Amino acid sequence: MPDMESRRDGYAVIYGQNDEDLQSDRFSDIHHRDHFEGLQDRLVESARRMPEKRFNAHVNPLVAAASGLLAQVSRLSSTDSVGDIHSLNVQLSDQVKQFESEARQRAIATDQMLAARYVLCTVVDEAVLNTPWGSKSDWSKISLLSRFHKETFGGEKFFQLLEKLSSNPFMHLPMLELMYLCLALGFEGKYRSNLRRGNELEDIRDGLYRQIRHVRGDVSGTLSPHWQGVNSSGVRQLRVLPIWLIALFTGISLTVMYSGFAWVLGEQREAVLKPHHSAALAAHEMRVSK
């Protein structure tokens, strides 16, 4: 227990000072100089304690829990205008809380959830501020990062965290995949004002992709590599009919159709010729009577 308490206190430097802060969603202390002190050790420890069965429900439960916020990042970049910036802030804040709830339901460790929340708040804030309407608003005063982590800019620490977690990709794969998606959605952070951001960011993104691919392995080119057909036992299989039998049925069908048409035509012919037969018979009787 003392060891666990010391680890918790060390991690509180990042997101809060004590357990009361953890319970009240105040996870950061702006008076500390390095909020990421001890983060790697905490994530390593939590990953070791996390049962493998927790990841069975989804390839990456962390990404699954964050899917709503990631979708918002993509949507915000293409939004022309927002009526009320404060309403948007409330909406996105609720989605952050929804992410926390889903992360707990998926049994994601608290420290990993908090690190992911820091990343997501940073990415969403940048997505808003990079829009024409967001840059002219007072979003920086009500940003998600300031609300949930009491910080105003996470573009530097995003890459600090990425560097630390990349030292052990096998242990931190869920977080690395989440951060890769953020980069793929256009997050630039501290590189946004850097004239060389294109090459540097591309190198970081490519390196992260190679790490993830190394851990995950190559993607199978088969659409459904584990697909199996229906078991033949107890299931009647379709049998292909021989050609001669098909020809026989075809001939019988054509004969029946021809006979039917011939009968119908015969009936119609009789109906048409019947008046003429009656007239001819009457004329013949008249000639005989004369």
Protein backbone atom coordinates (compact mmCIF):
# COMPACT_ATOMS: atom_id res chain seq x y z
CA MET A 1 0.00 0.00 0.00
CA PRO A 2 2.72 2.59 0.73
CA ASP A 3 4.21 1.87 -2.68
CA MET A 4 0.85 2.32 -4.38
CA GLU A 5 0.25 5.58 -2.51
CA SER A 6 3.64 6.92 -3.51
CA ARG A 7 2.97 6.09 -7.15
CA ARG A 8 -0.42 7.80 -6.95
CA ASP A 9 1.09 10.89 -5.34
CA GLY A 10 3.77 11.03 -8.01
CA TYR A 11 1.19 10.82 -10.76
CA ALA A 12 -0.91 13.48 -9.07
CA VAL A 13 1.75 15.98 -10.14
CA ILE A 14 0.38 15.59 -13.65
CA TYR A 15 -3.35 15.75 -13.14
CA GLY A 16 -4.04 16.73 -9.52
CA GLN A 17 -2.67 17.04 -6.04
CA ASN A 18 -4.72 14.48 -4.16
CA ASP A 19 -7.59 12.04 -4.33
CA GLU A 20 -10.14 14.81 -3.86
CA ASP A 21 -8.97 16.34 -7.12
CA LEU A 22 -9.30 12.97 -8.83
CA GLN A 23 -12.88 12.66 -7.67
CA SER A 24 -13.82 16.21 -8.61
CA ASP A 25 -12.27 16.07 -12.11
CA ARG A 26 -9.49 18.53 -11.19
CA PHE A 27 -6.52 16.58 -12.36
CA SER A 28 -3.79 19.17 -12.79
CA ASP A 29 -1.83 21.66 -10.77
CA ILE A 30 -0.56 24.66 -12.70
CA HIS A 31 1.97 25.48 -9.96
CA HIS A 32 4.05 22.38 -10.70
CA ARG A 33 6.78 22.81 -13.24
CA ASP A 34 6.55 19.41 -14.95
CA HIS A 35 3.10 17.88 -15.15
CA PHE A 36 4.42 14.82 -16.96
CA GLU A 37 6.90 13.82 -14.30
CA GLY A 38 6.64 10.08 -13.70
CA LEU A 39 4.04 9.57 -16.43
CA GLN A 40 5.91 6.81 -18.20
CA ASP A 41 6.42 4.81 -15.00
CA ARG A 42 2.75 5.09 -14.16
CA LEU A 43 1.62 3.99 -17.60
CA VAL A 44 4.03 1.06 -17.58
CA GLU A 45 2.77 -0.05 -14.19
CA SER A 46 -0.88 0.24 -15.18
CA ALA A 47 -0.28 -1.63 -18.43
CA ARG A 48 1.29 -4.50 -16.51
CA ARG A 49 -1.69 -4.68 -14.17
CA MET A 50 -4.26 -4.53 -16.94
CA PRO A 51 -5.71 -7.96 -17.83
CA GLU A 52 -5.51 -8.93 -21.49
CA LYS A 53 -9.22 -9.75 -21.58
CA ARG A 54 -10.00 -6.05 -21.34
CA PHE A 55 -8.84 -5.55 -24.90
CA ASN A 56 -10.97 -8.32 -26.36
CA ALA A 57 -14.03 -6.15 -26.99
CA HIS A 58 -12.21 -3.88 -29.45
CA VAL A 59 -8.85 -3.81 -31.16
CA ASN A 60 -8.16 -0.55 -29.33
CA PRO A 61 -10.69 0.28 -26.60
CA LEU A 62 -9.07 3.67 -26.02
CA VAL A 63 -9.68 4.71 -29.62
CA ALA A 64 -13.19 3.28 -29.44
CA ALA A 65 -13.98 5.41 -26.40
CA ALA A 66 -12.51 8.49 -28.10
CA SER A 67 -14.25 7.95 -31.44
CA GLY A 68 -16.84 10.67 -30.76
CA LEU A 69 -14.24 13.34 -30.05
CA LEU A 70 -12.12 12.25 -33.01
CA ALA A 71 -15.16 12.63 -35.24
CA GLN A 72 -15.66 16.13 -33.85
CA VAL A 73 -12.08 17.05 -34.81
CA SER A 74 -12.80 16.07 -38.39
CA ARG A 75 -16.14 17.89 -38.41
CA LEU A 76 -14.84 21.12 -36.86
CA SER A 77 -12.22 21.60 -39.57
CA SER A 78 -14.96 21.72 -42.22
CA THR A 79 -17.48 23.80 -40.26
CA ASP A 80 -17.96 27.26 -41.77
CA SER A 81 -19.45 28.93 -38.71
CA VAL A 82 -20.79 28.31 -35.22
CA GLY A 83 -23.69 30.25 -33.78
CA ASP A 84 -22.66 30.22 -30.14
CA ILE A 85 -19.08 29.38 -29.16
CA HIS A 86 -20.09 28.81 -25.56
CA SER A 87 -22.74 26.26 -26.54
CA LEU A 88 -20.10 24.46 -28.59
CA ASN A 89 -17.82 24.48 -25.56
CA VAL A 90 -20.52 22.90 -23.41
CA GLN A 91 -21.22 20.29 -26.09
CA LEU A 92 -17.56 19.32 -26.45
CA SER A 93 -17.08 19.30 -22.68
CA ASP A 94 -19.96 16.86 -22.40
CA GLN A 95 -18.30 14.66 -25.00
CA VAL A 96 -15.08 14.69 -22.99
CA LYS A 97 -17.06 13.50 -19.98
CA GLN A 98 -18.69 10.87 -22.18
CA PHE A 99 -15.22 9.70 -23.18
CA GLU A 100 -14.30 9.35 -19.50
CA SER A 101 -17.45 7.32 -18.86
CA GLU A 102 -16.85 5.00 -21.80
CA ALA A 103 -13.21 4.58 -20.83
CA ARG A 104 -14.25 3.45 -17.36
CA GLN A 105 -16.82 1.07 -18.83
CA ARG A 106 -14.09 -0.43 -21.02
CA ALA A 107 -11.90 -0.90 -17.91
CA ILE A 108 -9.19 1.47 -19.15
CA ALA A 109 -6.75 2.40 -16.40
CA THR A 110 -7.32 5.86 -14.92
CA ASP A 111 -3.83 7.16 -15.68
CA GLN A 112 -4.11 6.06 -19.30
CA MET A 113 -7.55 7.64 -19.57
CA LEU A 114 -6.22 10.92 -18.17
CA ALA A 115 -3.28 10.97 -20.56
CA ALA A 116 -5.67 10.32 -23.45
CA ARG A 117 -7.97 13.06 -22.19
CA TYR A 118 -5.07 15.53 -22.13
CA VAL A 119 -4.26 14.62 -25.73
CA LEU A 120 -7.87 14.85 -26.89
CA CYS A 121 -8.46 18.22 -25.23
CA THR A 122 -5.31 19.57 -26.85
CA VAL A 123 -6.30 18.30 -30.29
CA VAL A 124 -9.90 19.54 -30.10
CA ASP A 125 -8.77 22.97 -28.91
CA GLU A 126 -6.38 23.29 -31.83
CA ALA A 127 -9.10 22.19 -34.27
CA VAL A 128 -11.35 24.99 -33.01
CA LEU A 129 -8.68 27.69 -32.91
CA ASN A 130 -7.51 26.88 -36.44
CA THR A 131 -10.90 27.75 -37.94
CA PRO A 132 -11.65 31.33 -39.04
CA TRP A 133 -14.52 31.61 -36.55
CA GLY A 134 -12.57 29.95 -33.74
CA SER A 135 -9.53 32.17 -34.09
CA LYS A 136 -11.74 35.25 -33.65
CA SER A 137 -13.53 33.88 -30.60
CA ASP A 138 -12.57 33.75 -26.93
CA TRP A 139 -12.10 29.97 -27.06
CA SER A 140 -8.61 30.24 -25.59
CA LYS A 141 -10.21 31.51 -22.37
CA ILE A 142 -12.64 28.59 -22.15
CA SER A 143 -10.58 25.87 -23.81
CA LEU A 144 -11.07 22.22 -22.93
CA LEU A 145 -7.47 21.92 -21.78
CA SER A 146 -7.90 24.79 -19.34
CA ARG A 147 -11.14 23.35 -18.04
CA PHE A 148 -10.02 19.77 -17.53
CA HIS A 149 -6.27 20.17 -16.97
CA LYS A 150 -5.79 23.80 -15.97
CA GLU A 151 -3.37 24.42 -18.85
CA THR A 152 -3.63 26.66 -21.87
CA PHE A 153 -1.38 24.97 -24.44
CA GLY A 154 -0.56 21.30 -24.86
CA GLY A 155 1.15 21.40 -28.24
CA GLU A 156 4.59 20.97 -26.66
CA LYS A 157 3.72 18.27 -24.14
CA PHE A 158 1.86 16.23 -26.75
CA PHE A 159 5.17 15.49 -28.45
CA GLN A 160 6.99 15.09 -25.14
CA LEU A 161 4.48 12.43 -24.19
CA LEU A 162 4.75 10.84 -27.63
CA GLU A 163 8.52 10.60 -27.29
CA LYS A 164 8.28 8.97 -23.86
CA LEU A 165 5.63 6.44 -24.87
CA SER A 166 7.47 5.58 -28.09
CA SER A 167 10.33 4.20 -26.03
CA ASN A 168 8.13 1.16 -25.32
CA PRO A 169 5.53 0.81 -28.10
CA PHE A 170 4.51 -2.69 -27.03
CA MET A 171 3.46 -1.38 -23.62
CA HIS A 172 1.78 1.82 -24.82
CA LEU A 173 0.25 0.76 -28.13
CA PRO A 174 -3.30 2.04 -27.39
CA MET A 175 -2.04 5.55 -26.60
CA LEU A 176 0.31 5.58 -29.57
CA GLU A 177 -2.48 4.60 -31.94
CA LEU A 178 -4.69 7.34 -30.52
CA MET A 179 -1.94 9.92 -30.96
CA TYR A 180 -1.26 8.71 -34.49
CA LEU A 181 -4.92 9.27 -35.38
CA CYS A 182 -4.68 12.78 -33.97
CA LEU A 183 -1.68 13.49 -36.19
CA ALA A 184 -3.48 11.98 -39.17
CA LEU A 185 -6.42 14.33 -38.53
CA GLY A 186 -4.09 17.30 -38.89
CA PHE A 187 -2.84 18.05 -35.39
CA GLU A 188 0.44 19.99 -35.48
CA GLY A 189 0.90 21.44 -32.00
CA LYS A 190 4.24 23.17 -31.55
CA TYR A 191 5.10 22.57 -35.22
CA ARG A 192 2.29 24.77 -36.52
CA SER A 193 4.45 27.91 -36.37
CA ASN A 194 7.57 26.08 -37.54
CA LEU A 195 8.56 26.68 -41.16
CA ARG A 196 9.95 23.14 -41.32
CA ARG A 197 6.86 21.58 -39.78
CA GLY A 198 6.00 19.67 -42.94
CA ASN A 199 9.11 17.50 -43.04
CA GLU A 200 9.45 17.13 -39.27
CA LEU A 201 5.83 16.21 -38.73
CA GLU A 202 5.88 13.81 -41.63
CA ASP A 203 8.94 12.08 -40.18
CA ILE A 204 7.29 11.84 -36.75
CA ARG A 205 4.07 10.50 -38.21
CA ASP A 206 5.84 7.99 -40.44
CA GLY A 207 8.04 6.80 -37.59
CA LEU A 208 5.01 6.35 -35.36
CA TYR A 209 3.22 4.42 -38.10
CA ARG A 210 6.17 2.08 -38.49
CA GLN A 211 6.21 1.47 -34.74
CA ILE A 212 2.53 0.63 -34.69
CA ARG A 213 2.85 -1.61 -37.72
CA HIS A 214 5.78 -3.40 -36.12
CA VAL A 215 3.70 -4.15 -33.03
CA ARG A 216 0.45 -4.94 -34.82
CA GLY A 217 2.06 -6.77 -37.70
CA ASP A 218 1.28 -6.49 -41.39
CA VAL A 219 -2.36 -6.14 -42.33
CA SER A 220 -3.67 -9.23 -44.05
CA GLY A 221 -4.58 -8.77 -47.70
CA THR A 222 -7.39 -11.28 -47.30
CA LEU A 223 -10.78 -9.72 -46.72
CA SER A 224 -11.81 -12.37 -44.17
CA PRO A 225 -8.77 -14.51 -43.33
CA HIS A 226 -10.64 -16.53 -40.68
CA TRP A 227 -13.82 -17.06 -42.68
CA GLN A 228 -15.08 -20.61 -42.94
CA GLY A 229 -17.91 -22.00 -44.98
CA VAL A 230 -20.99 -23.60 -43.46
CA ASN A 231 -20.33 -27.05 -42.11
CA SER A 232 -21.63 -29.60 -44.62
CA SER A 233 -22.79 -32.01 -41.89
CA GLY A 234 -26.57 -31.89 -41.57
CA VAL A 235 -26.90 -29.37 -44.40
CA ARG A 236 -28.26 -30.38 -47.79
CA GLN A 237 -25.96 -29.26 -50.54
CA LEU A 238 -27.13 -28.14 -53.96
CA ARG A 239 -26.59 -30.72 -56.68
CA VAL A 240 -25.89 -29.77 -60.28
CA LEU A 241 -28.31 -31.45 -62.72
CA PRO A 242 -26.86 -33.27 -65.73
CA ILE A 243 -27.21 -31.64 -69.13
CA TRP A 244 -29.43 -34.36 -70.54
CA LEU A 245 -31.95 -33.92 -67.76
CA ILE A 246 -32.00 -30.16 -68.29
CA ALA A 247 -32.60 -30.73 -72.02
CA LEU A 248 -35.43 -33.16 -71.27
CA PHE A 249 -37.21 -30.72 -68.98
CA THR A 250 -36.72 -27.97 -71.55
CA GLY A 251 -38.26 -30.11 -74.30
CA ILE A 252 -41.23 -31.07 -72.16
CA SER A 253 -41.80 -27.46 -71.21
CA LEU A 254 -41.69 -26.31 -74.82
CA THR A 255 -44.10 -29.10 -75.85
CA VAL A 256 -46.58 -28.16 -73.15
CA MET A 257 -46.34 -24.50 -74.08
CA TYR A 258 -46.86 -25.27 -77.78
CA SER A 259 -49.83 -27.49 -77.06
CA GLY A 260 -51.38 -24.84 -74.88
CA PHE A 261 -50.95 -22.14 -77.49
CA ALA A 262 -52.33 -24.45 -80.20
CA TRP A 263 -55.44 -25.18 -78.11
CA VAL A 264 -56.03 -21.52 -77.41
CA LEU A 265 -55.65 -20.64 -81.09
CA GLY A 266 -58.02 -23.44 -82.03
CA GLU A 267 -60.66 -22.17 -79.65
CA GLN A 268 -60.31 -18.66 -80.98
CA ARG A 269 -60.54 -19.95 -84.56
CA GLU A 270 -63.76 -21.78 -83.81
CA ALA A 271 -65.25 -18.70 -82.20
CA VAL A 272 -64.40 -16.60 -85.25
CA LEU A 273 -65.65 -19.12 -87.85
CA LYS A 274 -68.84 -20.15 -86.04
CA PRO A 275 -71.01 -17.30 -87.49
CA HIS A 276 -69.79 -18.15 -90.97
CA HIS A 277 -70.68 -21.82 -90.50
CA SER A 278 -74.18 -20.85 -89.37
CA ALA A 279 -74.72 -18.62 -92.41
CA ALA A 280 -73.42 -21.26 -94.78
CA LEU A 281 -75.67 -23.92 -93.22
CA ALA A 282 -78.74 -21.69 -93.54
CA ALA A 283 -78.00 -20.97 -97.20
CA HIS A 284 -77.58 -24.67 -97.90
CA GLU A 285 -80.93 -25.50 -96.30
CA MET A 286 -82.64 -22.82 -98.36
CA ARG A 287 -81.25 -24.27 -101.57
CA VAL A 288 -82.35 -27.75 -100.60
CA SER A 289 -85.89 -26.59 -99.82
CA LYS A 290 -86.21 -24.98 -103.24
